[in-house]
């Protein structure tokens, strides 16, 4: 297994988007061959905080209402946040 330092900031950002879009942690950690705990550290902003900030910045540009609710959450919960402007989206 790779250590957390082997996950690049770009890969960490991709992990944020994959998790937010509903991909399971199991499939994300299989793709990058990292310990699932390292993924949760990325999602919490403990490791690669710039990836989380970039994710929130991109979400603010594309879905401002949803981005504000995500900013308040420590870790995003798939399927819990709802964007009132886009109710057809599965998140």
Protein backbone atom coordinates (compact mmCIF):
# COMPACT_ATOMS: atom_id res chain seq x y z
CA UNK A 1 0.00 0.00 0.00
CA UNK A 2 1.03 3.55 -0.64
CA UNK A 3 1.45 6.01 2.18
CA UNK A 4 -0.56 9.21 2.38
CA UNK A 5 2.34 11.24 1.05
CA UNK A 6 2.12 9.32 -2.23
CA UNK A 7 -1.34 10.77 -2.94
CA UNK A 8 -0.75 13.92 -4.96
CA UNK A 9 -2.87 17.06 -4.51
CA UNK A 10 -4.45 16.43 -7.93
CA UNK A 11 -5.39 12.90 -6.90
CA UNK A 12 -6.73 14.21 -3.59
CA UNK A 13 -8.93 16.67 -5.50
CA UNK A 14 -10.15 13.86 -7.73
CA UNK A 15 -10.96 11.82 -4.61
CA UNK A 16 -13.08 14.70 -3.29
CA UNK A 17 -15.08 14.87 -6.51
CA UNK A 18 -15.46 11.10 -6.71
CA UNK A 19 -16.69 10.87 -3.13
CA UNK A 20 -19.06 13.78 -3.56
CA UNK A 21 -20.49 12.24 -6.73
CA UNK A 22 -21.37 9.08 -4.82
CA UNK A 23 -18.47 6.77 -5.56
CA UNK A 24 -17.80 4.41 -2.68
CA UNK A 25 -14.64 4.79 -0.63
CA UNK A 26 -13.80 1.18 -1.44
CA UNK A 27 -13.60 1.87 -5.17
CA UNK A 28 -11.69 5.14 -4.68
CA UNK A 29 -9.05 3.55 -2.46
CA UNK A 30 -8.76 0.65 -4.91
CA UNK A 31 -8.14 3.06 -7.79
CA UNK A 32 -5.38 4.93 -5.95
CA UNK A 33 -4.17 2.01 -3.82
CA UNK A 34 -4.32 3.98 -0.58
CA UNK A 35 -5.60 3.15 2.88
CA UNK A 36 -9.24 4.28 3.31
CA UNK A 37 -8.15 6.24 6.40
CA UNK A 38 -6.00 8.40 4.14
CA UNK A 39 -9.06 9.20 2.03
CA UNK A 40 -11.01 10.27 5.11
CA UNK A 41 -8.07 12.49 6.09
CA UNK A 42 -8.32 14.16 2.67
CA UNK A 43 -12.10 14.56 3.00
CA UNK A 44 -11.69 16.06 6.48
CA UNK A 45 -9.01 18.45 5.25
CA UNK A 46 -6.28 17.03 7.50
CA UNK A 47 -4.19 15.90 4.53
CA UNK A 48 -3.99 18.02 1.37
CA UNK A 49 -6.22 20.80 2.73
CA UNK A 50 -5.65 22.65 -0.54
CA UNK A 51 -7.55 19.88 -2.37
CA UNK A 52 -10.58 20.38 -0.15
CA UNK A 53 -10.37 24.16 -0.58
CA UNK A 54 -10.11 23.81 -4.37
CA UNK A 55 -13.08 21.42 -4.37
CA UNK A 56 -15.15 23.93 -2.38
CA UNK A 57 -14.04 26.76 -4.67
CA UNK A 58 -15.11 24.84 -7.77
CA UNK A 59 -18.40 23.85 -6.16
CA UNK A 60 -19.05 27.49 -5.21
CA UNK A 61 -18.66 28.49 -8.85
CA UNK A 62 -20.94 25.76 -10.20
CA UNK A 63 -23.43 25.23 -7.33
CA UNK A 64 -23.24 28.11 -4.82
CA UNK A 65 -26.15 27.00 -2.64
CA UNK A 66 -24.76 23.52 -2.22
CA UNK A 67 -21.22 24.77 -1.64
CA UNK A 68 -22.30 26.76 1.43
CA UNK A 69 -23.85 23.69 3.07
CA UNK A 70 -20.74 21.64 2.26
CA UNK A 71 -18.47 24.22 3.81
CA UNK A 72 -20.26 23.83 7.15
CA UNK A 73 -19.87 20.05 7.19
CA UNK A 74 -16.68 18.49 8.49
CA UNK A 75 -16.98 15.57 6.11
CA UNK A 76 -19.46 15.45 3.28
CA UNK A 77 -22.17 12.86 3.52
CA UNK A 78 -23.21 11.44 0.23
CA UNK A 79 -26.91 11.67 -0.42
CA UNK A 80 -27.61 14.08 2.47
CA UNK A 81 -27.09 17.53 0.94
CA UNK A 82 -29.76 18.75 -1.48
CA UNK A 83 -29.38 21.63 -3.84
CA UNK A 84 -32.81 23.33 -4.11
CA UNK A 85 -31.89 24.76 -7.51
CA UNK A 86 -31.15 21.28 -8.89
CA UNK A 87 -33.51 18.86 -7.14
CA UNK A 88 -33.08 16.23 -9.87
CA UNK A 89 -29.45 15.70 -8.94
CA UNK A 90 -28.86 12.68 -6.65
CA UNK A 91 -27.04 14.68 -3.97
